């Protein structure tokens, strides 16, 4: 699997490269700036991009803007964001097109190599990998809205876990309930949010998050 990595801090970038290579990823480019990232994404067409939000020269949203532009040029380009903060605007932009292959992890909450590698693989395969804190902030932003107020505490728990990319079986194990109960909660959620049911987990997660985060 071919990866383009964008991270301006040398030690972190080098560590990520070594970690990915240890798990048989091919890091085709490891760059430190926005212009380098743009060129790498356009010329190398990787299977997945792992991108820091703030890169030189602006140190604002350079990394995300490059990735979003590349994703617009190549719809569905898998992008996994690494950040120190929850940037709600960026999360919304990534999720808004509904094409999948997106993730948002917080650097200080990646606790081991397996967790990070699993997220990269999930995003590369077209799935989602969202840190629970990112999901919680997206949900809390709309918590006072009428549709959200209709959800029970259990339904909110289920939706947070679905949004992290977990299967019904994994959610059932986490909440110690049956898969049938998970399916029922999911169906109720979509009914209350006036969203059409779908067997495509990734598509329904993106729809829910885009709905909750719309302005």
N, C-alpha and C. Protein backbone atom coordinates (compact mmCIF):
# COMPACT_ATOMS: atom_id res chain seq x y z
N UNK A 1 0.85 -1.19 0.00
CA UNK A 1 0.00 0.00 0.00
C UNK A 1 0.89 1.24 0.00
N UNK A 2 0.61 2.16 -0.91
CA UNK A 2 1.46 3.33 -1.12
C UNK A 2 0.92 4.52 -0.31
N UNK A 3 1.80 5.14 0.47
CA UNK A 3 1.41 6.22 1.38
C UNK A 3 2.22 7.48 1.10
N UNK A 4 1.53 8.61 1.09
CA UNK A 4 2.18 9.92 1.14
C UNK A 4 1.96 10.47 2.53
N UNK A 5 3.03 10.87 3.20
CA UNK A 5 2.98 11.37 4.57
C UNK A 5 3.41 12.83 4.59
N UNK A 6 2.65 13.66 5.29
CA UNK A 6 3.00 15.08 5.44
C UNK A 6 3.03 15.44 6.92
N UNK A 7 4.22 15.78 7.41
CA UNK A 7 4.42 16.15 8.81
C UNK A 7 5.68 17.03 8.87
N UNK A 8 5.56 18.23 9.45
CA UNK A 8 6.71 19.15 9.41
C UNK A 8 7.75 18.87 10.47
N UNK A 9 7.40 18.18 11.55
CA UNK A 9 8.39 17.88 12.60
C UNK A 9 9.21 16.65 12.20
N UNK A 10 10.51 16.83 12.09
CA UNK A 10 11.37 15.76 11.57
C UNK A 10 11.27 14.48 12.38
N UNK A 11 11.38 14.57 13.70
CA UNK A 11 11.40 13.36 14.51
C UNK A 11 10.08 12.59 14.39
N UNK A 12 8.97 13.31 14.40
CA UNK A 12 7.69 12.64 14.27
C UNK A 12 7.53 12.06 12.87
N UNK A 13 7.93 12.81 11.87
CA UNK A 13 7.83 12.31 10.49
C UNK A 13 8.67 11.06 10.30
N UNK A 14 9.90 11.08 10.80
CA UNK A 14 10.78 9.93 10.66
C UNK A 14 10.22 8.73 11.42
N UNK A 15 9.65 8.97 12.60
CA UNK A 15 9.08 7.88 13.37
C UNK A 15 7.88 7.26 12.67
N UNK A 16 7.05 8.09 12.07
CA UNK A 16 5.88 7.58 11.34
C UNK A 16 6.30 6.78 10.12
N UNK A 17 7.32 7.25 9.43
CA UNK A 17 7.82 6.51 8.26
C UNK A 17 8.30 5.13 8.68
N UNK A 18 9.08 5.08 9.74
CA UNK A 18 9.61 3.79 10.21
C UNK A 18 8.48 2.86 10.67
N UNK A 19 7.49 3.42 11.34
CA UNK A 19 6.37 2.62 11.80
C UNK A 19 5.61 2.03 10.61
N UNK A 20 5.29 2.87 9.63
CA UNK A 20 4.55 2.39 8.47
C UNK A 20 5.34 1.34 7.70
N UNK A 21 6.62 1.56 7.54
CA UNK A 21 7.45 0.59 6.82
C UNK A 21 7.52 -0.73 7.57
N UNK A 22 7.50 -0.68 8.88
CA UNK A 22 7.54 -1.91 9.68
C UNK A 22 6.29 -2.76 9.47
N UNK A 23 5.21 -2.10 9.06
CA UNK A 23 3.96 -2.83 8.80
C UNK A 23 3.71 -2.99 7.30
N UNK A 24 4.79 -2.94 6.53
CA UNK A 24 4.76 -3.26 5.09
C UNK A 24 4.05 -2.22 4.23
N UNK A 25 3.94 -0.99 4.71
CA UNK A 25 3.48 0.09 3.85
C UNK A 25 4.67 0.62 3.04
N UNK A 26 4.40 1.10 1.84
CA UNK A 26 5.43 1.75 1.04
C UNK A 26 5.23 3.26 1.13
N UNK A 27 6.11 3.94 1.83
CA UNK A 27 6.02 5.39 1.96
C UNK A 27 6.70 6.00 0.73
N UNK A 28 5.88 6.42 -0.23
CA UNK A 28 6.42 6.91 -1.50
C UNK A 28 6.91 8.34 -1.39
N UNK A 29 6.45 9.07 -0.37
CA UNK A 29 6.93 10.43 -0.13
C UNK A 29 6.64 10.79 1.33
N UNK A 30 7.61 11.43 1.98
CA UNK A 30 7.45 11.95 3.33
C UNK A 30 7.88 13.41 3.27
N UNK A 31 6.92 14.32 3.31
CA UNK A 31 7.18 15.72 3.03
C UNK A 31 6.92 16.58 4.26
N UNK A 32 7.42 17.84 4.20
CA UNK A 32 7.34 18.71 5.37
C UNK A 32 6.61 20.01 5.10
N UNK A 33 6.08 20.21 3.90
CA UNK A 33 5.42 21.48 3.58
C UNK A 33 4.23 21.27 2.66
N UNK A 34 3.39 22.31 2.58
CA UNK A 34 2.22 22.24 1.73
C UNK A 34 2.54 22.07 0.26
N UNK A 35 3.44 22.88 -0.31
CA UNK A 35 3.78 22.72 -1.73
C UNK A 35 4.31 21.33 -2.06
N UNK A 36 5.14 20.77 -1.17
CA UNK A 36 5.66 19.42 -1.40
C UNK A 36 4.53 18.40 -1.38
N UNK A 37 3.58 18.59 -0.47
CA UNK A 37 2.44 17.68 -0.37
C UNK A 37 1.60 17.73 -1.64
N UNK A 38 1.32 18.92 -2.13
CA UNK A 38 0.53 19.06 -3.35
C UNK A 38 1.17 18.33 -4.52
N UNK A 39 2.47 18.50 -4.67
CA UNK A 39 3.18 17.84 -5.78
C UNK A 39 3.14 16.33 -5.61
N UNK A 40 3.37 15.86 -4.39
CA UNK A 40 3.41 14.41 -4.16
C UNK A 40 2.06 13.77 -4.44
N UNK A 41 0.98 14.41 -4.00
CA UNK A 41 -0.34 13.85 -4.21
C UNK A 41 -0.72 13.84 -5.68
N UNK A 42 -0.31 14.88 -6.41
CA UNK A 42 -0.65 14.97 -7.83
C UNK A 42 0.17 14.00 -8.67
N UNK A 43 1.45 13.86 -8.34
CA UNK A 43 2.35 13.08 -9.18
C UNK A 43 2.38 11.60 -8.82
N UNK A 44 2.21 11.27 -7.55
CA UNK A 44 2.41 9.89 -7.10
C UNK A 44 1.12 9.10 -6.95
N UNK A 45 -0.03 9.78 -6.84
CA UNK A 45 -1.33 9.12 -6.72
C UNK A 45 -1.29 7.96 -5.71
N UNK A 46 -1.07 8.29 -4.44
CA UNK A 46 -0.95 7.24 -3.41
C UNK A 46 -2.29 6.57 -3.12
N UNK A 47 -2.20 5.45 -2.39
CA UNK A 47 -3.41 4.76 -1.94
C UNK A 47 -4.06 5.49 -0.76
N UNK A 48 -3.24 6.22 -0.02
CA UNK A 48 -3.75 6.96 1.14
C UNK A 48 -2.76 8.08 1.47
N UNK A 49 -3.31 9.20 1.95
CA UNK A 49 -2.47 10.32 2.41
C UNK A 49 -2.66 10.48 3.91
N UNK A 50 -1.56 10.58 4.63
CA UNK A 50 -1.58 10.83 6.07
C UNK A 50 -1.04 12.24 6.26
N UNK A 51 -1.88 13.14 6.76
CA UNK A 51 -1.60 14.57 6.64
C UNK A 51 -1.76 15.31 7.96
N UNK A 52 -0.76 16.10 8.32
CA UNK A 52 -0.88 17.03 9.43
C UNK A 52 -1.64 18.25 8.93
N UNK A 53 -2.42 18.87 9.81
CA UNK A 53 -3.22 20.03 9.39
C UNK A 53 -2.33 21.24 9.12
N UNK A 54 -1.44 21.54 10.03
CA UNK A 54 -0.65 22.77 9.95
C UNK A 54 0.75 22.48 9.42
N UNK A 55 0.99 22.96 8.21
CA UNK A 55 2.27 22.77 7.55
C UNK A 55 2.82 24.11 7.08
N UNK A 56 4.15 24.19 6.85
CA UNK A 56 4.70 25.38 6.22
C UNK A 56 4.15 25.53 4.81
N UNK A 57 4.09 26.72 4.24
CA UNK A 57 4.63 27.96 4.81
C UNK A 57 3.70 28.72 5.73
N UNK A 58 2.41 28.43 5.73
CA UNK A 58 1.47 29.26 6.49
C UNK A 58 1.31 28.80 7.94
N UNK A 59 1.51 27.51 8.19
CA UNK A 59 1.30 26.92 9.52
C UNK A 59 -0.13 27.17 10.02
N UNK A 60 -1.08 27.23 9.10
CA UNK A 60 -2.49 27.37 9.50
C UNK A 60 -3.22 26.10 9.11
N UNK A 61 -3.78 26.09 7.91
CA UNK A 61 -4.51 24.90 7.45
C UNK A 61 -3.92 24.37 6.15
N UNK A 62 -2.63 24.62 5.97
CA UNK A 62 -1.97 24.29 4.70
C UNK A 62 -2.14 22.81 4.32
N UNK A 63 -1.90 21.93 5.27
CA UNK A 63 -1.96 20.50 4.97
C UNK A 63 -3.34 20.05 4.56
N UNK A 64 -4.35 20.54 5.28
CA UNK A 64 -5.72 20.14 4.97
C UNK A 64 -6.18 20.69 3.63
N UNK A 65 -5.83 21.93 3.35
CA UNK A 65 -6.25 22.51 2.08
C UNK A 65 -5.63 21.78 0.90
N UNK A 66 -4.38 21.37 1.02
CA UNK A 66 -3.73 20.58 -0.03
C UNK A 66 -4.44 19.25 -0.23
N UNK A 67 -4.75 18.60 0.89
CA UNK A 67 -5.40 17.30 0.81
C UNK A 67 -6.81 17.41 0.23
N UNK A 68 -7.54 18.44 0.64
CA UNK A 68 -8.88 18.63 0.12
C UNK A 68 -8.88 18.95 -1.37
N UNK A 69 -7.88 19.74 -1.80
CA UNK A 69 -7.77 20.05 -3.23
C UNK A 69 -7.46 18.79 -4.02
N UNK A 70 -6.56 17.96 -3.50
CA UNK A 70 -6.22 16.70 -4.18
C UNK A 70 -7.42 15.77 -4.21
N UNK A 71 -8.21 15.79 -3.13
CA UNK A 71 -9.40 14.93 -3.07
C UNK A 71 -10.47 15.41 -4.05
N UNK A 72 -10.53 16.73 -4.27
CA UNK A 72 -11.46 17.26 -5.26
C UNK A 72 -11.05 16.85 -6.67
N UNK A 73 -9.73 16.85 -6.91
CA UNK A 73 -9.22 16.46 -8.22
C UNK A 73 -9.32 14.95 -8.44
N UNK A 74 -9.22 14.21 -7.35
CA UNK A 74 -9.30 12.75 -7.41
C UNK A 74 -10.31 12.29 -6.36
N UNK A 75 -11.59 12.31 -6.70
CA UNK A 75 -12.65 11.99 -5.73
C UNK A 75 -12.41 10.64 -5.05
N UNK A 76 -12.59 10.67 -3.74
CA UNK A 76 -12.42 9.44 -2.98
C UNK A 76 -11.00 9.17 -2.52
N UNK A 77 -10.06 10.08 -2.84
CA UNK A 77 -8.69 9.89 -2.36
C UNK A 77 -8.71 9.74 -0.84
N UNK A 78 -8.27 8.61 -0.30
CA UNK A 78 -8.30 8.42 1.15
C UNK A 78 -7.35 9.38 1.88
N UNK A 79 -7.88 10.05 2.89
CA UNK A 79 -7.10 11.02 3.66
C UNK A 79 -7.29 10.77 5.14
N UNK A 80 -6.19 10.56 5.85
CA UNK A 80 -6.21 10.44 7.30
C UNK A 80 -5.51 11.66 7.88
N UNK A 81 -6.24 12.44 8.66
CA UNK A 81 -5.71 13.66 9.25
C UNK A 81 -5.14 13.36 10.63
N UNK A 82 -3.97 13.93 10.90
CA UNK A 82 -3.38 13.88 12.23
C UNK A 82 -3.29 15.32 12.74
N UNK A 83 -3.85 15.58 13.92
CA UNK A 83 -3.85 16.94 14.43
C UNK A 83 -3.72 16.93 15.94
N UNK A 84 -3.36 18.08 16.48
CA UNK A 84 -3.32 18.22 17.94
C UNK A 84 -4.64 18.74 18.48
N UNK A 85 -5.51 19.23 17.60
CA UNK A 85 -6.76 19.82 18.03
C UNK A 85 -7.91 19.32 17.15
N UNK A 86 -9.12 19.46 17.67
CA UNK A 86 -10.31 19.15 16.88
C UNK A 86 -10.69 20.38 16.07
N UNK A 87 -10.48 20.30 14.78
CA UNK A 87 -10.83 21.39 13.88
C UNK A 87 -12.15 21.03 13.21
N UNK A 88 -13.26 21.55 13.75
CA UNK A 88 -14.58 21.11 13.29
C UNK A 88 -14.83 21.44 11.83
N UNK A 89 -14.33 22.58 11.37
CA UNK A 89 -14.52 22.95 9.98
C UNK A 89 -13.89 21.93 9.05
N UNK A 90 -12.67 21.49 9.40
CA UNK A 90 -11.96 20.52 8.56
C UNK A 90 -12.69 19.18 8.55
N UNK A 91 -13.14 18.76 9.72
CA UNK A 91 -13.87 17.50 9.80
C UNK A 91 -15.12 17.56 8.93
N UNK A 92 -15.82 18.68 8.98
CA UNK A 92 -17.03 18.83 8.17
C UNK A 92 -16.70 18.78 6.68
N UNK A 93 -15.65 19.48 6.27
CA UNK A 93 -15.27 19.49 4.85
C UNK A 93 -14.90 18.09 4.36
N UNK A 94 -14.17 17.36 5.18
CA UNK A 94 -13.77 16.01 4.79
C UNK A 94 -14.98 15.10 4.63
N UNK A 95 -15.93 15.24 5.54
CA UNK A 95 -17.07 14.34 5.55
C UNK A 95 -18.17 14.74 4.58
N UNK A 96 -18.14 16.00 4.13
CA UNK A 96 -19.29 16.53 3.40
C UNK A 96 -19.54 15.87 2.06
N UNK A 97 -18.49 15.40 1.37
CA UNK A 97 -18.74 14.89 0.02
C UNK A 97 -19.28 13.47 0.01
N UNK A 98 -19.21 12.78 1.16
CA UNK A 98 -19.83 11.47 1.27
C UNK A 98 -19.15 10.36 0.50
N UNK A 99 -17.92 10.58 0.05
CA UNK A 99 -17.26 9.55 -0.77
C UNK A 99 -16.43 8.58 0.04
N UNK A 100 -16.32 8.79 1.34
CA UNK A 100 -15.62 7.83 2.19
C UNK A 100 -14.12 8.00 2.18
N UNK A 101 -13.44 7.06 2.84
CA UNK A 101 -11.99 7.11 2.90
C UNK A 101 -11.46 8.30 3.66
N UNK A 102 -12.00 8.55 4.86
CA UNK A 102 -11.56 9.69 5.65
C UNK A 102 -11.33 9.27 7.11
N UNK A 103 -10.40 9.98 7.74
CA UNK A 103 -10.14 9.73 9.15
C UNK A 103 -9.61 10.99 9.80
N UNK A 104 -9.77 11.08 11.11
CA UNK A 104 -9.28 12.24 11.87
C UNK A 104 -8.84 11.73 13.23
N UNK A 105 -7.53 11.70 13.45
CA UNK A 105 -6.98 11.24 14.71
C UNK A 105 -6.27 12.38 15.41
N UNK A 106 -6.34 12.39 16.73
CA UNK A 106 -5.61 13.36 17.54
C UNK A 106 -4.28 12.75 17.95
N UNK A 107 -3.20 13.50 17.72
CA UNK A 107 -1.85 12.96 17.92
C UNK A 107 -1.63 12.42 19.33
N UNK A 108 -2.12 13.14 20.32
CA UNK A 108 -1.84 12.72 21.69
C UNK A 108 -2.76 11.61 22.18
N UNK A 109 -3.63 11.12 21.28
CA UNK A 109 -4.53 10.02 21.66
C UNK A 109 -4.28 8.76 20.82
N UNK A 110 -3.18 8.76 20.08
CA UNK A 110 -2.75 7.53 19.39
C UNK A 110 -1.77 6.84 20.32
N UNK A 111 -2.21 5.73 20.89
CA UNK A 111 -1.46 5.13 22.00
C UNK A 111 -0.54 3.98 21.60
N UNK A 112 -0.73 3.41 20.40
CA UNK A 112 0.15 2.33 19.99
C UNK A 112 0.16 2.21 18.48
N UNK A 113 1.14 1.47 17.96
CA UNK A 113 1.32 1.33 16.52
C UNK A 113 0.14 0.64 15.86
N UNK A 114 -0.39 -0.39 16.51
CA UNK A 114 -1.48 -1.15 15.92
C UNK A 114 -2.71 -0.28 15.71
N UNK A 115 -3.00 0.59 16.68
CA UNK A 115 -4.15 1.50 16.56
C UNK A 115 -3.98 2.41 15.35
N UNK A 116 -2.80 2.97 15.19
CA UNK A 116 -2.55 3.89 14.08
C UNK A 116 -2.60 3.15 12.74
N UNK A 117 -1.94 2.01 12.67
CA UNK A 117 -1.90 1.25 11.42
C UNK A 117 -3.29 0.77 11.01
N UNK A 118 -4.08 0.35 11.99
CA UNK A 118 -5.45 -0.07 11.69
C UNK A 118 -6.24 1.08 11.09
N UNK A 119 -6.04 2.29 11.62
CA UNK A 119 -6.74 3.46 11.10
C UNK A 119 -6.32 3.76 9.67
N UNK A 120 -5.03 3.67 9.38
CA UNK A 120 -4.54 3.91 8.02
C UNK A 120 -5.15 2.91 7.06
N UNK A 121 -5.16 1.65 7.43
CA UNK A 121 -5.72 0.61 6.56
C UNK A 121 -7.21 0.80 6.35
N UNK A 122 -7.92 1.16 7.41
CA UNK A 122 -9.36 1.35 7.30
C UNK A 122 -9.70 2.49 6.35
N UNK A 123 -8.98 3.60 6.49
CA UNK A 123 -9.21 4.74 5.61
C UNK A 123 -8.84 4.40 4.17
N UNK A 124 -7.71 3.72 3.98
CA UNK A 124 -7.26 3.36 2.64
C UNK A 124 -8.27 2.46 1.94
N UNK A 125 -9.01 1.66 2.71
CA UNK A 125 -10.00 0.75 2.13
C UNK A 125 -11.35 1.42 1.90
N UNK A 126 -11.44 2.73 2.20
CA UNK A 126 -12.67 3.47 1.96
C UNK A 126 -13.53 3.67 3.18
N UNK A 127 -13.02 3.29 4.35
CA UNK A 127 -13.80 3.43 5.58
C UNK A 127 -13.49 4.72 6.31
N UNK A 128 -13.98 4.80 7.55
CA UNK A 128 -13.75 5.97 8.38
C UNK A 128 -13.00 5.57 9.65
N UNK A 129 -12.19 6.50 10.15
CA UNK A 129 -11.46 6.29 11.39
C UNK A 129 -11.44 7.62 12.14
N UNK A 130 -12.43 7.82 12.98
CA UNK A 130 -12.59 9.08 13.68
C UNK A 130 -12.32 8.91 15.16
N UNK A 131 -11.48 9.80 15.71
CA UNK A 131 -11.22 9.77 17.14
C UNK A 131 -12.52 10.07 17.90
N UNK A 132 -12.80 9.35 18.98
CA UNK A 132 -14.03 9.59 19.74
C UNK A 132 -14.20 11.04 20.18
N UNK A 133 -13.11 11.74 20.49
CA UNK A 133 -13.23 13.14 20.90
C UNK A 133 -13.69 14.02 19.74
N UNK A 134 -13.26 13.69 18.54
CA UNK A 134 -13.71 14.44 17.37
C UNK A 134 -15.21 14.23 17.20
N UNK A 135 -15.65 12.98 17.29
CA UNK A 135 -17.06 12.66 17.16
C UNK A 135 -17.87 13.36 18.25
N UNK A 136 -17.38 13.30 19.49
CA UNK A 136 -18.10 13.90 20.60
C UNK A 136 -18.28 15.39 20.40
N UNK A 137 -17.27 16.08 19.88
CA UNK A 137 -17.39 17.52 19.67
C UNK A 137 -18.35 17.84 18.53
N UNK A 138 -18.34 17.02 17.48
CA UNK A 138 -19.30 17.23 16.41
C UNK A 138 -20.73 17.04 16.91
N UNK A 139 -20.91 16.03 17.75
CA UNK A 139 -22.24 15.76 18.28
C UNK A 139 -22.67 16.85 19.27
N UNK A 140 -21.75 17.27 20.13
CA UNK A 140 -22.11 18.25 21.16
C UNK A 140 -22.43 19.59 20.55
N UNK A 141 -21.82 19.91 19.42
CA UNK A 141 -22.10 21.18 18.76
C UNK A 141 -23.56 21.30 18.38
N UNK A 142 -24.18 20.14 18.05
CA UNK A 142 -25.57 20.16 17.64
C UNK A 142 -26.51 19.60 18.72
N UNK A 143 -25.95 19.40 19.91
CA UNK A 143 -26.73 18.70 20.95
C UNK A 143 -28.02 19.42 21.31
N UNK A 144 -28.04 20.74 21.18
CA UNK A 144 -29.25 21.47 21.53
C UNK A 144 -30.28 21.49 20.42
N UNK A 145 -29.93 21.01 19.23
CA UNK A 145 -30.86 21.02 18.12
C UNK A 145 -31.94 19.96 18.33
N UNK A 146 -33.09 20.20 17.79
CA UNK A 146 -34.23 19.33 18.03
C UNK A 146 -34.00 17.88 17.62
N UNK A 147 -33.44 17.59 16.42
CA UNK A 147 -33.23 16.19 16.05
C UNK A 147 -32.34 15.44 17.03
N UNK A 148 -31.26 16.09 17.47
CA UNK A 148 -30.36 15.44 18.42
C UNK A 148 -31.06 15.19 19.75
N UNK A 149 -31.93 16.11 20.15
CA UNK A 149 -32.61 15.98 21.43
C UNK A 149 -33.53 14.77 21.45
N UNK A 150 -33.89 14.26 20.27
CA UNK A 150 -34.78 13.11 20.20
C UNK A 150 -34.06 11.80 20.51
N UNK A 151 -32.75 11.79 20.42
CA UNK A 151 -32.00 10.55 20.61
C UNK A 151 -31.87 10.22 22.09
N UNK A 152 -31.99 8.94 22.38
CA UNK A 152 -31.77 8.48 23.75
C UNK A 152 -30.27 8.42 24.03
N UNK A 153 -29.86 8.39 25.29
CA UNK A 153 -28.43 8.27 25.60
C UNK A 153 -27.79 7.04 24.94
N UNK A 154 -28.51 5.93 24.91
CA UNK A 154 -27.98 4.72 24.27
C UNK A 154 -27.80 4.92 22.77
N UNK A 155 -28.75 5.60 22.14
CA UNK A 155 -28.64 5.85 20.70
C UNK A 155 -27.45 6.75 20.38
N UNK A 156 -27.17 7.72 21.26
CA UNK A 156 -25.99 8.57 21.07
C UNK A 156 -24.73 7.74 21.18
N UNK A 157 -24.68 6.82 22.16
CA UNK A 157 -23.53 5.93 22.31
C UNK A 157 -23.31 5.10 21.04
N UNK A 158 -24.40 4.54 20.53
CA UNK A 158 -24.31 3.72 19.32
C UNK A 158 -23.82 4.56 18.15
N UNK A 159 -24.35 5.77 18.00
CA UNK A 159 -23.96 6.60 16.88
C UNK A 159 -22.49 6.99 16.96
N UNK A 160 -21.99 7.28 18.14
CA UNK A 160 -20.57 7.61 18.30
C UNK A 160 -19.69 6.45 17.86
N UNK A 161 -20.08 5.23 18.23
CA UNK A 161 -19.29 4.05 17.88
C UNK A 161 -19.39 3.73 16.39
N UNK A 162 -20.56 3.91 15.80
CA UNK A 162 -20.71 3.72 14.36
C UNK A 162 -19.82 4.70 13.62
N UNK A 163 -19.80 5.94 14.09
CA UNK A 163 -19.02 6.97 13.44
C UNK A 163 -17.52 6.72 13.50
N UNK A 164 -17.10 5.93 14.47
CA UNK A 164 -15.69 5.56 14.56
C UNK A 164 -15.33 4.47 13.56
N UNK A 165 -16.33 3.93 12.86
CA UNK A 165 -16.08 2.90 11.87
C UNK A 165 -16.26 1.49 12.40
N UNK A 166 -16.85 1.35 13.58
CA UNK A 166 -17.01 0.02 14.18
C UNK A 166 -18.18 -0.73 13.55
N UNK A 167 -18.03 -2.03 13.44
CA UNK A 167 -19.10 -2.89 12.91
C UNK A 167 -20.16 -3.08 13.98
N UNK A 168 -21.32 -3.60 13.56
CA UNK A 168 -22.38 -3.89 14.53
C UNK A 168 -21.90 -4.88 15.59
N UNK A 169 -21.10 -5.87 15.16
CA UNK A 169 -20.59 -6.86 16.12
C UNK A 169 -19.68 -6.20 17.14
N UNK A 170 -18.83 -5.29 16.68
CA UNK A 170 -17.91 -4.61 17.60
C UNK A 170 -18.67 -3.70 18.55
N UNK A 171 -19.69 -3.02 18.04
CA UNK A 171 -20.50 -2.16 18.90
C UNK A 171 -21.23 -2.99 19.95
N UNK A 172 -21.78 -4.12 19.53
CA UNK A 172 -22.48 -5.00 20.46
C UNK A 172 -21.55 -5.46 21.58
N UNK A 173 -20.32 -5.83 21.21
CA UNK A 173 -19.36 -6.28 22.21
C UNK A 173 -18.98 -5.15 23.16
N UNK A 174 -18.81 -3.95 22.62
CA UNK A 174 -18.41 -2.80 23.43
C UNK A 174 -19.50 -2.41 24.43
N UNK A 175 -20.75 -2.44 23.99
CA UNK A 175 -21.86 -2.01 24.84
C UNK A 175 -22.52 -3.17 25.58
N UNK A 176 -22.04 -4.39 25.32
CA UNK A 176 -22.58 -5.60 25.95
C UNK A 176 -24.08 -5.72 25.66
N UNK A 177 -24.41 -5.64 24.38
CA UNK A 177 -25.78 -5.85 23.93
C UNK A 177 -25.71 -6.75 22.70
N UNK A 178 -26.85 -7.14 22.17
CA UNK A 178 -26.86 -8.02 20.99
C UNK A 178 -26.72 -7.21 19.71
N UNK A 179 -26.29 -7.89 18.64
CA UNK A 179 -26.21 -7.23 17.34
C UNK A 179 -27.59 -6.80 16.87
N UNK A 180 -28.59 -7.57 17.21
CA UNK A 180 -29.96 -7.21 16.83
C UNK A 180 -30.35 -5.89 17.50
N UNK A 181 -29.94 -5.70 18.74
CA UNK A 181 -30.23 -4.45 19.44
C UNK A 181 -29.50 -3.28 18.78
N UNK A 182 -28.27 -3.51 18.35
CA UNK A 182 -27.52 -2.46 17.65
C UNK A 182 -28.24 -2.06 16.37
N UNK A 183 -28.69 -3.05 15.60
CA UNK A 183 -29.40 -2.78 14.36
C UNK A 183 -30.67 -1.98 14.62
N UNK A 184 -31.36 -2.32 15.70
CA UNK A 184 -32.59 -1.61 16.05
C UNK A 184 -32.29 -0.16 16.42
N UNK A 185 -31.24 0.04 17.24
CA UNK A 185 -30.86 1.41 17.62
C UNK A 185 -30.49 2.23 16.38
N UNK A 186 -29.73 1.61 15.47
CA UNK A 186 -29.31 2.32 14.25
C UNK A 186 -30.52 2.72 13.42
N UNK A 187 -31.45 1.81 13.28
CA UNK A 187 -32.67 2.10 12.54
C UNK A 187 -33.44 3.25 13.17
N UNK A 188 -33.53 3.25 14.50
CA UNK A 188 -34.22 4.33 15.22
C UNK A 188 -33.52 5.67 15.02
N UNK A 189 -32.18 5.64 15.03
CA UNK A 189 -31.41 6.87 14.84
C UNK A 189 -31.73 7.50 13.50
N UNK A 190 -31.70 6.68 12.46
CA UNK A 190 -31.94 7.21 11.13
C UNK A 190 -33.36 7.71 10.97
N UNK A 191 -34.28 7.04 11.62
CA UNK A 191 -35.65 7.51 11.57
C UNK A 191 -35.81 8.86 12.24
N UNK A 192 -35.20 9.03 13.41
CA UNK A 192 -35.31 10.29 14.14
C UNK A 192 -34.60 11.43 13.44
N UNK A 193 -33.53 11.12 12.72
CA UNK A 193 -32.78 12.16 12.01
C UNK A 193 -33.25 12.34 10.58
N UNK A 194 -34.32 11.62 10.22
CA UNK A 194 -34.91 11.75 8.87
C UNK A 194 -33.89 11.45 7.78
N UNK A 195 -33.09 10.42 8.01
CA UNK A 195 -32.09 9.99 7.03
C UNK A 195 -32.48 8.62 6.50
N UNK A 196 -32.32 8.38 5.21
CA UNK A 196 -32.72 7.08 4.65
C UNK A 196 -31.83 5.96 5.18
N UNK A 197 -32.40 4.80 5.50
CA UNK A 197 -31.59 3.66 5.96
C UNK A 197 -30.68 3.18 4.85
N UNK A 198 -29.55 2.60 5.23
CA UNK A 198 -28.59 2.10 4.25
C UNK A 198 -27.78 0.98 4.86
N UNK A 199 -27.42 -0.02 4.05
CA UNK A 199 -26.56 -1.10 4.52
C UNK A 199 -25.09 -0.72 4.42
N UNK A 200 -24.81 0.43 3.80
CA UNK A 200 -23.44 0.89 3.63
C UNK A 200 -23.04 1.69 4.86
N UNK A 201 -22.28 1.05 5.77
CA UNK A 201 -21.92 1.69 7.03
C UNK A 201 -21.22 3.01 6.82
N UNK A 202 -20.26 3.05 5.87
CA UNK A 202 -19.49 4.27 5.66
C UNK A 202 -20.39 5.40 5.19
N UNK A 203 -21.27 5.12 4.24
CA UNK A 203 -22.15 6.15 3.70
C UNK A 203 -23.09 6.69 4.78
N UNK A 204 -23.62 5.82 5.63
CA UNK A 204 -24.56 6.29 6.63
C UNK A 204 -23.85 7.10 7.70
N UNK A 205 -22.62 6.71 8.05
CA UNK A 205 -21.85 7.49 9.02
C UNK A 205 -21.59 8.88 8.49
N UNK A 206 -21.16 8.99 7.25
CA UNK A 206 -20.88 10.29 6.65
C UNK A 206 -22.14 11.14 6.60
N UNK A 207 -23.26 10.52 6.29
CA UNK A 207 -24.52 11.25 6.21
C UNK A 207 -24.90 11.81 7.58
N UNK A 208 -24.76 10.99 8.62
CA UNK A 208 -25.11 11.45 9.96
C UNK A 208 -24.20 12.60 10.40
N UNK A 209 -22.90 12.45 10.19
CA UNK A 209 -21.98 13.48 10.63
C UNK A 209 -22.16 14.77 9.85
N UNK A 210 -22.36 14.66 8.55
CA UNK A 210 -22.58 15.86 7.75
C UNK A 210 -23.86 16.57 8.19
N UNK A 211 -24.89 15.77 8.52
CA UNK A 211 -26.15 16.37 8.98
C UNK A 211 -25.96 17.09 10.31
N UNK A 212 -25.28 16.43 11.23
CA UNK A 212 -25.12 17.00 12.56
C UNK A 212 -24.26 18.25 12.54
N UNK A 213 -23.32 18.32 11.60
CA UNK A 213 -22.37 19.42 11.61
C UNK A 213 -22.73 20.53 10.63
N UNK A 214 -23.85 20.43 9.95
CA UNK A 214 -24.18 21.48 8.99
C UNK A 214 -24.60 22.73 9.73
N UNK A 215 -24.34 23.86 9.13
CA UNK A 215 -24.60 25.12 9.81
C UNK A 215 -25.98 25.68 9.53
